[in-house]
């Protein structure tokens, strides 16, 4: 059963928030598995509608089928299926951008550029 959801995705240097939009705003960030307290470098929906959060430590992608199957107004999903990518050798992500479903991340010092197909 598919539910139409309107989500507001906001990114701040102090974290990230996802709110449902309806008769009232409700925070569903933790229910979706995003890190609400991570320094968020980038947050967006990709061309397929998946939610993406990029912090210094990791890239989190919440799959569109998960969002479609959730009834966020009734029962929040506590363990959504999501993909997580972390740069190797304890490096941190310093900058990120995307186009369509392609996400490009650079690690600190610009020594590595990673291209991810979300």
PDB file of N, CA and C in Angstrom:
ATOM      1  N   UNK A   1       0.841  -1.169   0.000  1.00  0.00           N
ATOM      2  CA  UNK A   1       0.000   0.000   0.000  1.00  0.00           C
ATOM      3  C   UNK A   1       0.890   1.237   0.000  1.00  0.00           C
ATOM      4  N   UNK A   2       0.662   2.108  -0.985  1.00  0.00           N
ATOM      5  CA  UNK A   2       1.484   3.297  -1.109  1.00  0.00           C
ATOM      6  C   UNK A   2       0.770   4.483  -0.483  1.00  0.00           C
ATOM      7  N   UNK A   3       1.530   5.281   0.255  1.00  0.00           N
ATOM      8  CA  UNK A   3       0.997   6.474   0.905  1.00  0.00           C
ATOM      9  C   UNK A   3       1.709   7.678   0.331  1.00  0.00           C
ATOM     10  N   UNK A   4       0.929   8.688  -0.018  1.00  0.00           N
ATOM     11  CA  UNK A   4       1.551   9.917  -0.490  1.00  0.00           C
ATOM     12  C   UNK A   4       2.089  10.675   0.707  1.00  0.00           C
ATOM     13  N   UNK A   5       3.379  10.953   0.676  1.00  0.00           N
ATOM     14  CA  UNK A   5       4.032  11.656   1.767  1.00  0.00           C
ATOM     15  C   UNK A   5       4.658  12.927   1.223  1.00  0.00           C
ATOM     16  N   UNK A   6       4.510  13.987   1.947  1.00  0.00           N
ATOM     17  CA  UNK A   6       5.236  15.213   1.649  1.00  0.00           C
ATOM     18  C   UNK A   6       6.222  15.407   2.780  1.00  0.00           C
ATOM     19  N   UNK A   7       7.489  15.476   2.417  1.00  0.00           N
ATOM     20  CA  UNK A   7       8.545  15.601   3.412  1.00  0.00           C
ATOM     21  C   UNK A   7       9.320  16.887   3.185  1.00  0.00           C
ATOM     22  N   UNK A   8       9.704  17.528   4.259  1.00  0.00           N
ATOM     23  CA  UNK A   8      10.565  18.704   4.226  1.00  0.00           C
ATOM     24  C   UNK A   8      11.910  18.288   4.797  1.00  0.00           C
ATOM     25  N   UNK A   9      12.959  18.343   3.979  1.00  0.00           N
ATOM     26  CA  UNK A   9      14.305  17.942   4.373  1.00  0.00           C
ATOM     27  C   UNK A   9      15.132  19.200   4.587  1.00  0.00           C
ATOM     28  N   UNK A  10      15.671  19.352   5.795  1.00  0.00           N
ATOM     29  CA  UNK A  10      16.459  20.541   6.128  1.00  0.00           C
ATOM     30  C   UNK A  10      17.811  20.103   6.672  1.00  0.00           C
ATOM     31  N   UNK A  11      18.866  20.788   6.221  1.00  0.00           N
ATOM     32  CA  UNK A  11      20.218  20.479   6.689  1.00  0.00           C
ATOM     33  C   UNK A  11      20.806  21.707   7.356  1.00  0.00           C
ATOM     34  N   UNK A  12      21.470  21.478   8.476  1.00  0.00           N
ATOM     35  CA  UNK A  12      22.124  22.536   9.229  1.00  0.00           C
ATOM     36  C   UNK A  12      23.535  22.060   9.573  1.00  0.00           C
ATOM     37  N   UNK A  13      24.397  22.982   9.924  1.00  0.00           N
ATOM     38  CA  UNK A  13      25.737  22.574  10.347  1.00  0.00           C
ATOM     39  C   UNK A  13      25.678  21.778  11.638  1.00  0.00           C
ATOM     40  N   UNK A  14      24.611  21.923  12.390  1.00  0.00           N
ATOM     41  CA  UNK A  14      24.473  21.198  13.648  1.00  0.00           C
ATOM     42  C   UNK A  14      23.640  19.926  13.517  1.00  0.00           C
ATOM     43  N   UNK A  15      23.130  19.637  12.329  1.00  0.00           N
ATOM     44  CA  UNK A  15      22.333  18.431  12.178  1.00  0.00           C
ATOM     45  C   UNK A  15      21.440  18.460  10.968  1.00  0.00           C
ATOM     46  N   UNK A  16      20.476  17.566  10.960  1.00  0.00           N
ATOM     47  CA  UNK A  16      19.568  17.388   9.835  1.00  0.00           C
ATOM     48  C   UNK A  16      18.184  17.076  10.393  1.00  0.00           C
ATOM     49  N   UNK A  17      17.157  17.544   9.725  1.00  0.00           N
ATOM     50  CA  UNK A  17      15.784  17.253  10.143  1.00  0.00           C
ATOM     51  C   UNK A  17      14.936  16.919   8.929  1.00  0.00           C
ATOM     52  N   UNK A  18      14.049  15.929   9.091  1.00  0.00           N
ATOM     53  CA  UNK A  18      13.046  15.612   8.087  1.00  0.00           C
ATOM     54  C   UNK A  18      11.697  15.717   8.780  1.00  0.00           C
ATOM     55  N   UNK A  19      10.822  16.551   8.209  1.00  0.00           N
ATOM     56  CA  UNK A  19       9.502  16.759   8.781  1.00  0.00           C
ATOM     57  C   UNK A  19       8.439  16.302   7.797  1.00  0.00           C
ATOM     58  N   UNK A  20       7.365  15.678   8.307  1.00  0.00           N
ATOM     59  CA  UNK A  20       6.216  15.392   7.458  1.00  0.00           C
ATOM     60  C   UNK A  20       5.415  16.678   7.362  1.00  0.00           C
ATOM     61  N   UNK A  21       4.816  16.874   6.213  1.00  0.00           N
ATOM     62  CA  UNK A  21       4.004  18.074   6.011  1.00  0.00           C
ATOM     63  C   UNK A  21       2.568  17.622   5.845  1.00  0.00           C
ATOM     64  N   UNK A  22       1.701  18.169   6.641  1.00  0.00           N
ATOM     65  CA  UNK A  22       0.285  17.841   6.607  1.00  0.00           C
ATOM     66  C   UNK A  22      -0.435  18.870   7.448  1.00  0.00           C
ATOM     67  N   UNK A  23      -1.380  18.411   8.233  1.00  0.00           N
ATOM     68  CA  UNK A  23      -2.082  19.340   9.108  1.00  0.00           C
ATOM     69  C   UNK A  23      -1.141  19.909  10.167  1.00  0.00           C
ATOM     70  N   UNK A  24      -0.067  19.184  10.456  1.00  0.00           N
ATOM     71  CA  UNK A  24       0.968  19.685  11.363  1.00  0.00           C
ATOM     72  C   UNK A  24       2.324  19.139  10.916  1.00  0.00           C
ATOM     73  N   UNK A  25       3.386  19.738  11.412  1.00  0.00           N
ATOM     74  CA  UNK A  25       4.734  19.264  11.105  1.00  0.00           C
ATOM     75  C   UNK A  25       5.152  18.255  12.166  1.00  0.00           C
ATOM     76  N   UNK A  26       5.728  17.136  11.733  1.00  0.00           N
ATOM     77  CA  UNK A  26       6.193  16.129  12.673  1.00  0.00           C
ATOM     78  C   UNK A  26       7.598  15.689  12.285  1.00  0.00           C
ATOM     79  N   UNK A  27       8.507  15.647  13.240  1.00  0.00           N
ATOM     80  CA  UNK A  27       9.889  15.272  13.001  1.00  0.00           C
ATOM     81  C   UNK A  27       9.992  13.750  12.887  1.00  0.00           C
ATOM     82  N   UNK A  28      10.442  13.266  11.724  1.00  0.00           N
ATOM     83  CA  UNK A  28      10.593  11.828  11.489  1.00  0.00           C
ATOM     84  C   UNK A  28      12.047  11.474  11.147  1.00  0.00           C
ATOM     85  N   UNK A  29      12.969  12.362  11.484  1.00  0.00           N
ATOM     86  CA  UNK A  29      14.381  12.175  11.148  1.00  0.00           C
ATOM     87  C   UNK A  29      14.909  10.852  11.680  1.00  0.00           C
ATOM     88  N   UNK A  30      14.749  10.608  12.968  1.00  0.00           N
ATOM     89  CA  UNK A  30      15.261   9.387  13.587  1.00  0.00           C
ATOM     90  C   UNK A  30      14.534   8.151  13.068  1.00  0.00           C
ATOM     91  N   UNK A  31      13.231   8.274  12.784  1.00  0.00           N
ATOM     92  CA  UNK A  31      12.459   7.142  12.260  1.00  0.00           C
ATOM     93  C   UNK A  31      12.993   6.689  10.903  1.00  0.00           C
ATOM     94  N   UNK A  32      13.541   7.623  10.122  1.00  0.00           N
ATOM     95  CA  UNK A  32      14.076   7.287   8.801  1.00  0.00           C
ATOM     96  C   UNK A  32      15.507   6.777   8.864  1.00  0.00           C
ATOM     97  N   UNK A  33      16.146   6.893  10.012  1.00  0.00           N
ATOM     98  CA  UNK A  33      17.508   6.405  10.153  1.00  0.00           C
ATOM     99  C   UNK A  33      18.573   7.422   9.793  1.00  0.00           C
ATOM    100  N   UNK A  34      18.194   8.687   9.682  1.00  0.00           N
ATOM    101  CA  UNK A  34      19.181   9.733   9.448  1.00  0.00           C
ATOM    102  C   UNK A  34      19.742  10.190  10.789  1.00  0.00           C
ATOM    103  N   UNK A  35      20.950  10.732  10.765  1.00  0.00           N
ATOM    104  CA  UNK A  35      21.600  11.169  11.998  1.00  0.00           C
ATOM    105  C   UNK A  35      21.235  12.623  12.268  1.00  0.00           C
ATOM    106  N   UNK A  36      20.334  12.845  13.199  1.00  0.00           N
ATOM    107  CA  UNK A  36      19.823  14.193  13.462  1.00  0.00           C
ATOM    108  C   UNK A  36      20.849  15.115  14.093  1.00  0.00           C
ATOM    109  N   UNK A  37      21.913  14.576  14.673  1.00  0.00           N
ATOM    110  CA  UNK A  37      22.912  15.408  15.349  1.00  0.00           C
ATOM    111  C   UNK A  37      24.246  15.502  14.622  1.00  0.00           C
ATOM    112  N   UNK A  38      24.345  14.916  13.440  1.00  0.00           N
ATOM    113  CA  UNK A  38      25.613  14.947  12.705  1.00  0.00           C
ATOM    114  C   UNK A  38      25.786  16.277  11.986  1.00  0.00           C
ATOM    115  N   UNK A  39      27.007  16.769  11.954  1.00  0.00           N
ATOM    116  CA  UNK A  39      27.326  17.940  11.164  1.00  0.00           C
ATOM    117  C   UNK A  39      27.014  17.568   9.713  1.00  0.00           C
ATOM    118  N   UNK A  40      25.977  18.168   9.148  1.00  0.00           N
ATOM    119  CA  UNK A  40      25.483  17.771   7.833  1.00  0.00           C
ATOM    120  C   UNK A  40      26.067  18.676   6.759  1.00  0.00           C
ATOM    121  N   UNK A  41      26.849  18.077   5.868  1.00  0.00           N
ATOM    122  CA  UNK A  41      27.463  18.821   4.778  1.00  0.00           C
ATOM    123  C   UNK A  41      26.513  18.975   3.601  1.00  0.00           C
ATOM    124  N   UNK A  42      25.618  17.996   3.440  1.00  0.00           N
ATOM    125  CA  UNK A  42      24.739  17.971   2.275  1.00  0.00           C
ATOM    126  C   UNK A  42      23.524  17.119   2.602  1.00  0.00           C
ATOM    127  N   UNK A  43      22.351  17.568   2.170  1.00  0.00           N
ATOM    128  CA  UNK A  43      21.127  16.775   2.311  1.00  0.00           C
ATOM    129  C   UNK A  43      20.223  17.109   1.134  1.00  0.00           C
ATOM    130  N   UNK A  44      19.647  16.076   0.531  1.00  0.00           N
ATOM    131  CA  UNK A  44      18.804  16.297  -0.638  1.00  0.00           C
ATOM    132  C   UNK A  44      18.011  15.041  -0.944  1.00  0.00           C
ATOM    133  N   UNK A  45      17.115  15.167  -1.915  1.00  0.00           N
ATOM    134  CA  UNK A  45      16.459  14.013  -2.509  1.00  0.00           C
ATOM    135  C   UNK A  45      17.061  13.848  -3.896  1.00  0.00           C
ATOM    136  N   UNK A  46      17.417  12.611  -4.264  1.00  0.00           N
ATOM    137  CA  UNK A  46      18.020  12.409  -5.590  1.00  0.00           C
ATOM    138  C   UNK A  46      16.924  12.318  -6.647  1.00  0.00           C
ATOM    139  N   UNK A  47      17.313  12.033  -7.882  1.00  0.00           N
ATOM    140  CA  UNK A  47      16.365  12.001  -8.991  1.00  0.00           C
ATOM    141  C   UNK A  47      15.284  10.935  -8.801  1.00  0.00           C
ATOM    142  N   UNK A  48      15.596   9.867  -8.048  1.00  0.00           N
ATOM    143  CA  UNK A  48      14.612   8.822  -7.770  1.00  0.00           C
ATOM    144  C   UNK A  48      13.794   9.106  -6.517  1.00  0.00           C
ATOM    145  N   UNK A  49      14.069  10.233  -5.847  1.00  0.00           N
ATOM    146  CA  UNK A  49      13.327  10.587  -4.643  1.00  0.00           C
ATOM    147  C   UNK A  49      13.899  10.008  -3.364  1.00  0.00           C
ATOM    148  N   UNK A  50      15.050   9.337  -3.427  1.00  0.00           N
ATOM    149  CA  UNK A  50      15.688   8.831  -2.210  1.00  0.00           C
ATOM    150  C   UNK A  50      16.248   9.997  -1.413  1.00  0.00           C
ATOM    151  N   UNK A  51      16.199   9.903  -0.099  1.00  0.00           N
ATOM    152  CA  UNK A  51      16.763  10.945   0.757  1.00  0.00           C
ATOM    153  C   UNK A  51      18.233  10.659   1.005  1.00  0.00           C
ATOM    154  N   UNK A  52      19.065  11.697   0.903  1.00  0.00           N
ATOM    155  CA  UNK A  52      20.510  11.562   1.088  1.00  0.00           C
ATOM    156  C   UNK A  52      20.962  12.525   2.170  1.00  0.00           C
ATOM    157  N   UNK A  53      21.763  12.024   3.100  1.00  0.00           N
ATOM    158  CA  UNK A  53      22.413  12.865   4.111  1.00  0.00           C
ATOM    159  C   UNK A  53      23.903  12.561   4.072  1.00  0.00           C
ATOM    160  N   UNK A  54      24.699  13.621   3.944  1.00  0.00           N
ATOM    161  CA  UNK A  54      26.154  13.471   3.946  1.00  0.00           C
ATOM    162  C   UNK A  54      26.698  14.210   5.157  1.00  0.00           C
ATOM    163  N   UNK A  55      27.405  13.484   6.003  1.00  0.00           N
ATOM    164  CA  UNK A  55      28.099  14.083   7.142  1.00  0.00           C
ATOM    165  C   UNK A  55      29.590  13.870   6.941  1.00  0.00           C
ATOM    166  N   UNK A  56      30.397  14.333   7.864  1.00  0.00           N
ATOM    167  CA  UNK A  56      31.837  14.129   7.752  1.00  0.00           C
ATOM    168  C   UNK A  56      32.203  12.647   7.743  1.00  0.00           C
ATOM    169  N   UNK A  57      31.412  11.824   8.434  1.00  0.00           N
ATOM    170  CA  UNK A  57      31.738  10.412   8.599  1.00  0.00           C
ATOM    171  C   UNK A  57      31.130   9.494   7.552  1.00  0.00           C
ATOM    172  N   UNK A  58      29.941   9.850   7.008  1.00  0.00           N
ATOM    173  CA  UNK A  58      29.255   8.876   6.166  1.00  0.00           C
ATOM    174  C   UNK A  58      28.228   9.518   5.235  1.00  0.00           C
ATOM    175  N   UNK A  59      27.829   8.727   4.238  1.00  0.00           N
ATOM    176  CA  UNK A  59      26.725   9.061   3.342  1.00  0.00           C
ATOM    177  C   UNK A  59      25.607   8.067   3.650  1.00  0.00           C
ATOM    178  N   UNK A  60      24.416   8.570   3.936  1.00  0.00           N
ATOM    179  CA  UNK A  60      23.254   7.719   4.215  1.00  0.00           C
ATOM    180  C   UNK A  60      22.219   7.975   3.123  1.00  0.00           C
ATOM    181  N   UNK A  61      21.702   6.892   2.521  1.00  0.00           N
ATOM    182  CA  UNK A  61      20.671   6.993   1.488  1.00  0.00           C
ATOM    183  C   UNK A  61      19.476   6.154   1.934  1.00  0.00           C
ATOM    184  N   UNK A  62      18.322   6.804   2.103  1.00  0.00           N
ATOM    185  CA  UNK A  62      17.079   6.106   2.445  1.00  0.00           C
ATOM    186  C   UNK A  62      16.361   5.831   1.134  1.00  0.00           C
ATOM    187  N   UNK A  63      16.124   4.563   0.851  1.00  0.00           N
ATOM    188  CA  UNK A  63      15.570   4.136  -0.426  1.00  0.00           C
ATOM    189  C   UNK A  63      14.129   4.603  -0.621  1.00  0.00           C
ATOM    190  N   UNK A  64      13.761   4.954  -1.845  1.00  0.00           N
ATOM    191  CA  UNK A  64      12.407   5.396  -2.158  1.00  0.00           C
ATOM    192  C   UNK A  64      11.343   4.348  -1.826  1.00  0.00           C
ATOM    193  N   UNK A  65      11.545   3.033  -2.097  1.00  0.00           N
ATOM    194  CA  UNK A  65      10.513   2.062  -1.715  1.00  0.00           C
ATOM    195  C   UNK A  65      10.194   2.086  -0.228  1.00  0.00           C
ATOM    196  N   UNK A  66      11.198   2.373   0.603  1.00  0.00           N
ATOM    197  CA  UNK A  66      10.957   2.469   2.045  1.00  0.00           C
ATOM    198  C   UNK A  66      10.034   3.640   2.335  1.00  0.00           C
ATOM    199  N   UNK A  67      10.300   4.768   1.701  1.00  0.00           N
ATOM    200  CA  UNK A  67       9.470   5.952   1.920  1.00  0.00           C
ATOM    201  C   UNK A  67       8.045   5.714   1.442  1.00  0.00           C
ATOM    202  N   UNK A  68       7.894   5.028   0.293  1.00  0.00           N
ATOM    203  CA  UNK A  68       6.558   4.763  -0.234  1.00  0.00           C
ATOM    204  C   UNK A  68       5.751   3.842   0.659  1.00  0.00           C
ATOM    205  N   UNK A  69       6.415   2.892   1.327  1.00  0.00           N
ATOM    206  CA  UNK A  69       5.689   1.906   2.125  1.00  0.00           C
ATOM    207  C   UNK A  69       5.384   2.389   3.541  1.00  0.00           C
ATOM    208  N   UNK A  70       5.951   3.526   3.926  1.00  0.00           N
ATOM    209  CA  UNK A  70       5.759   4.016   5.292  1.00  0.00           C
ATOM    210  C   UNK A  70       4.507   4.864   5.394  1.00  0.00           C
ATOM    211  N   UNK A  71       3.752   4.656   6.430  1.00  0.00           N
ATOM    212  CA  UNK A  71       2.670   5.569   6.758  1.00  0.00           C
ATOM    213  C   UNK A  71       3.165   6.386   7.940  1.00  0.00           C
ATOM    214  N   UNK A  72       3.831   7.486   7.655  1.00  0.00           N
ATOM    215  CA  UNK A  72       4.488   8.268   8.701  1.00  0.00           C
ATOM    216  C   UNK A  72       3.501   8.932   9.648  1.00  0.00           C
ATOM    217  N   UNK A  73       2.234   9.036   9.229  1.00  0.00           N
ATOM    218  CA  UNK A  73       1.240   9.639  10.111  1.00  0.00           C
ATOM    219  C   UNK A  73       0.713   8.643  11.137  1.00  0.00           C
ATOM    220  N   UNK A  74       0.911   7.356  10.893  1.00  0.00           N
ATOM    221  CA  UNK A  74       0.341   6.346  11.783  1.00  0.00           C
ATOM    222  C   UNK A  74       1.434   5.562  12.505  1.00  0.00           C
ATOM    223  N   UNK A  75       2.263   4.865  11.779  1.00  0.00           N
ATOM    224  CA  UNK A  75       3.279   4.006  12.387  1.00  0.00           C
ATOM    225  C   UNK A  75       4.642   4.358  11.808  1.00  0.00           C
ATOM    226  N   UNK A  76       5.487   5.056  12.569  1.00  0.00           N
ATOM    227  CA  UNK A  76       6.824   5.337  12.056  1.00  0.00           C
ATOM    228  C   UNK A  76       7.639   4.058  11.906  1.00  0.00           C
ATOM    229  N   UNK A  77       8.487   4.028  10.901  1.00  0.00           N
ATOM    230  CA  UNK A  77       9.361   2.872  10.670  1.00  0.00           C
ATOM    231  C   UNK A  77      10.630   3.076  11.472  1.00  0.00           C
ATOM    232  N   UNK A  78      10.913   2.198  12.423  1.00  0.00           N
ATOM    233  CA  UNK A  78      12.061   2.407  13.297  1.00  0.00           C
ATOM    234  C   UNK A  78      13.364   1.894  12.678  1.00  0.00           C
ATOM    235  N   UNK A  79      13.301   0.997  11.720  1.00  0.00           N
ATOM    236  CA  UNK A  79      14.501   0.459  11.084  1.00  0.00           C
ATOM    237  C   UNK A  79      14.331   0.436   9.570  1.00  0.00           C
ATOM    238  N   UNK A  80      14.353   1.590   8.918  1.00  0.00           N
ATOM    239  CA  UNK A  80      14.172   1.579   7.465  1.00  0.00           C
ATOM    240  C   UNK A  80      15.382   0.970   6.764  1.00  0.00           C
ATOM    241  N   UNK A  81      15.142   0.434   5.579  1.00  0.00           N
ATOM    242  CA  UNK A  81      16.266  -0.056   4.788  1.00  0.00           C
ATOM    243  C   UNK A  81      16.983   1.153   4.230  1.00  0.00           C
ATOM    244  N   UNK A  82      18.290   1.148   4.387  1.00  0.00           N
ATOM    245  CA  UNK A  82      19.062   2.283   3.926  1.00  0.00           C
ATOM    246  C   UNK A  82      20.452   1.807   3.552  1.00  0.00           C
ATOM    247  N   UNK A  83      21.100   2.587   2.726  1.00  0.00           N
ATOM    248  CA  UNK A  83      22.468   2.291   2.325  1.00  0.00           C
ATOM    249  C   UNK A  83      23.384   3.291   3.020  1.00  0.00           C
ATOM    250  N   UNK A  84      24.537   2.807   3.505  1.00  0.00           N
ATOM    251  CA  UNK A  84      25.514   3.666   4.175  1.00  0.00           C
ATOM    252  C   UNK A  84      26.867   3.447   3.521  1.00  0.00           C
ATOM    253  N   UNK A  85      27.554   4.547   3.202  1.00  0.00           N
ATOM    254  CA  UNK A  85      28.914   4.483   2.679  1.00  0.00           C
ATOM    255  C   UNK A  85      29.813   5.341   3.553  1.00  0.00           C
ATOM    256  N   UNK A  86      30.984   4.821   3.883  1.00  0.00           N
ATOM    257  CA  UNK A  86      31.967   5.567   4.675  1.00  0.00           C
ATOM    258  C   UNK A  86      33.295   5.558   3.935  1.00  0.00           C
ATOM    259  N   UNK A  87      33.997   6.708   3.933  1.00  0.00           N
ATOM    260  CA  UNK A  87      35.324   6.708   3.301  1.00  0.00           C
ATOM    261  C   UNK A  87      36.277   5.828   4.101  1.00  0.00           C
ATOM    262  N   UNK A  88      37.220   5.217   3.410  1.00  0.00           N
ATOM    263  CA  UNK A  88      38.171   4.332   4.077  1.00  0.00           C
ATOM    264  C   UNK A  88      39.215   5.096   4.857  1.00  0.00           C
ATOM    265  N   UNK A  89      40.039   4.392   5.524  1.00  0.00           N
ATOM    266  CA  UNK A  89      41.182   4.862   6.314  1.00  0.00           C
ATOM    267  C   UNK A  89      40.883   6.071   7.206  1.00  0.00           C
ATOM    268  N   UNK A  90      39.744   6.064   7.832  1.00  0.00           N
ATOM    269  CA  UNK A  90      39.351   7.077   8.833  1.00  0.00           C
ATOM    270  C   UNK A  90      39.383   8.503   8.321  1.00  0.00           C
ATOM    271  N   UNK A  91      39.352   8.715   7.004  1.00  0.00           N
ATOM    272  CA  UNK A  91      39.310  10.082   6.492  1.00  0.00           C
ATOM    273  C   UNK A  91      37.896  10.634   6.626  1.00  0.00           C
ATOM    274  N   UNK A  92      37.777  11.944   6.564  1.00  0.00           N
ATOM    275  CA  UNK A  92      36.483  12.618   6.701  1.00  0.00           C
ATOM    276  C   UNK A  92      36.089  13.245   5.376  1.00  0.00           C
ATOM    277  N   UNK A  93      34.787  13.289   5.128  1.00  0.00           N
ATOM    278  CA  UNK A  93      34.258  13.939   3.936  1.00  0.00           C
ATOM    279  C   UNK A  93      34.277  15.439   4.185  1.00  0.00           C
ATOM    280  N   UNK A  94      34.773  16.210   3.223  1.00  0.00           N
ATOM    281  CA  UNK A  94      34.860  17.661   3.417  1.00  0.00           C
ATOM    282  C   UNK A  94      33.883  18.438   2.542  1.00  0.00           C
ATOM    283  N   UNK A  95      33.538  17.899   1.379  1.00  0.00           N
ATOM    284  CA  UNK A  95      32.614  18.595   0.483  1.00  0.00           C
ATOM    285  C   UNK A  95      31.879  17.565  -0.365  1.00  0.00           C
ATOM    286  N   UNK A  96      30.666  17.919  -0.782  1.00  0.00           N
ATOM    287  CA  UNK A  96      29.841  16.980  -1.529  1.00  0.00           C
ATOM    288  C   UNK A  96      28.900  17.739  -2.450  1.00  0.00           C
ATOM    289  N   UNK A  97      28.597  17.155  -3.591  1.00  0.00           N
ATOM    290  CA  UNK A  97      27.608  17.708  -4.507  1.00  0.00           C
ATOM    291  C   UNK A  97      26.972  16.553  -5.266  1.00  0.00           C
ATOM    292  N   UNK A  98      25.861  16.830  -5.936  1.00  0.00           N
ATOM    293  CA  UNK A  98      25.220  15.764  -6.704  1.00  0.00           C
ATOM    294  C   UNK A  98      24.575  16.327  -7.963  1.00  0.00           C
ATOM    295  N   UNK A  99      24.339  15.415  -8.896  1.00  0.00           N
ATOM    296  CA  UNK A  99      23.596  15.709 -10.111  1.00  0.00           C
ATOM    297  C   UNK A  99      22.831  14.443 -10.449  1.00  0.00           C
ATOM    298  N   UNK A 100      21.518  14.534 -10.456  1.00  0.00           N
ATOM    299  CA  UNK A 100      20.703  13.340 -10.692  1.00  0.00           C
ATOM    300  C   UNK A 100      20.920  12.338  -9.582  1.00  0.00           C
ATOM    301  N   UNK A 101      21.368  11.135  -9.947  1.00  0.00           N
ATOM    302  CA  UNK A 101      21.633  10.086  -8.966  1.00  0.00           C
ATOM    303  C   UNK A 101      23.113   9.940  -8.655  1.00  0.00           C
ATOM    304  N   UNK A 102      23.948  10.826  -9.187  1.00  0.00           N
ATOM    305  CA  UNK A 102      25.386  10.753  -8.970  1.00  0.00           C
ATOM    306  C   UNK A 102      25.777  11.709  -7.852  1.00  0.00           C
ATOM    307  N   UNK A 103      26.504  11.187  -6.884  1.00  0.00           N
ATOM    308  CA  UNK A 103      26.963  11.957  -5.734  1.00  0.00           C
ATOM    309  C   UNK A 103      28.491  11.964  -5.748  1.00  0.00           C
ATOM    310  N   UNK A 104      29.095  13.136  -5.622  1.00  0.00           N
ATOM    311  CA  UNK A 104      30.552  13.240  -5.595  1.00  0.00           C
ATOM    312  C   UNK A 104      30.982  13.791  -4.252  1.00  0.00           C
ATOM    313  N   UNK A 105      31.860  13.060  -3.570  1.00  0.00           N
ATOM    314  CA  UNK A 105      32.364  13.461  -2.258  1.00  0.00           C
ATOM    315  C   UNK A 105      33.882  13.563  -2.320  1.00  0.00           C
ATOM    316  N   UNK A 106      34.403  14.588  -1.677  1.00  0.00           N
ATOM    317  CA  UNK A 106      35.851  14.735  -1.556  1.00  0.00           C
ATOM    318  C   UNK A 106      36.215  14.618  -0.083  1.00  0.00           C
ATOM    319  N   UNK A 107      37.301  13.914   0.185  1.00  0.00           N
ATOM    320  CA  UNK A 107      37.749  13.794   1.563  1.00  0.00           C
ATOM    321  C   UNK A 107      38.682  14.948   1.905  1.00  0.00           C
ATOM    322  N   UNK A 108      38.906  15.163   3.186  1.00  0.00           N
ATOM    323  CA  UNK A 108      39.736  16.274   3.662  1.00  0.00           C
ATOM    324  C   UNK A 108      41.077  16.300   2.953  1.00  0.00           C
ATOM    325  N   UNK A 109      41.493  17.483   2.596  1.00  0.00           N
ATOM    326  CA  UNK A 109      42.761  17.638   1.886  1.00  0.00           C
ATOM    327  C   UNK A 109      42.616  17.455   0.392  1.00  0.00           C
ATOM    328  N   UNK A 110      41.431  17.069  -0.064  1.00  0.00           N
ATOM    329  CA  UNK A 110      41.193  16.884  -1.481  1.00  0.00           C
ATOM    330  C   UNK A 110      41.993  15.765  -2.109  1.00  0.00           C
ATOM    331  N   UNK A 111      42.450  14.834  -1.283  1.00  0.00           N
ATOM    332  CA  UNK A 111      43.295  13.755  -1.798  1.00  0.00           C
ATOM    333  C   UNK A 111      42.490  12.682  -2.523  1.00  0.00           C
ATOM    334  N   UNK A 112      41.202  12.571  -2.243  1.00  0.00           N
ATOM    335  CA  UNK A 112      40.375  11.556  -2.879  1.00  0.00           C
ATOM    336  C   UNK A 112      39.020  12.129  -3.257  1.00  0.00           C
ATOM    337  N   UNK A 113      38.558  11.792  -4.436  1.00  0.00           N
ATOM    338  CA  UNK A 113      37.202  12.126  -4.857  1.00  0.00           C
ATOM    339  C   UNK A 113      36.482  10.817  -5.093  1.00  0.00           C
ATOM    340  N   UNK A 114      35.321  10.656  -4.488  1.00  0.00           N
ATOM    341  CA  UNK A 114      34.546   9.421  -4.584  1.00  0.00           C
ATOM    342  C   UNK A 114      33.263   9.732  -5.352  1.00  0.00           C
ATOM    343  N   UNK A 115      32.952   8.923  -6.343  1.00  0.00           N
ATOM    344  CA  UNK A 115      31.733   9.073  -7.138  1.00  0.00           C
ATOM    345  C   UNK A 115      30.820   7.906  -6.779  1.00  0.00           C
ATOM    346  N   UNK A 116      29.620   8.234  -6.280  1.00  0.00           N
ATOM    347  CA  UNK A 116      28.676   7.209  -5.844  1.00  0.00           C
ATOM    348  C   UNK A 116      27.403   7.312  -6.675  1.00  0.00           C
ATOM    349  N   UNK A 117      26.877   6.183  -7.104  1.00  0.00           N
ATOM    350  CA  UNK A 117      25.594   6.145  -7.811  1.00  0.00           C
ATOM    351  C   UNK A 117      24.535   5.776  -6.783  1.00  0.00           C
ATOM    352  N   UNK A 118      23.710   6.744  -6.406  1.00  0.00           N
ATOM    353  CA  UNK A 118      22.720   6.509  -5.376  1.00  0.00           C
ATOM    354  C   UNK A 118      21.469   5.910  -5.985  1.00  0.00           C
TER     355      UNK A 118
END
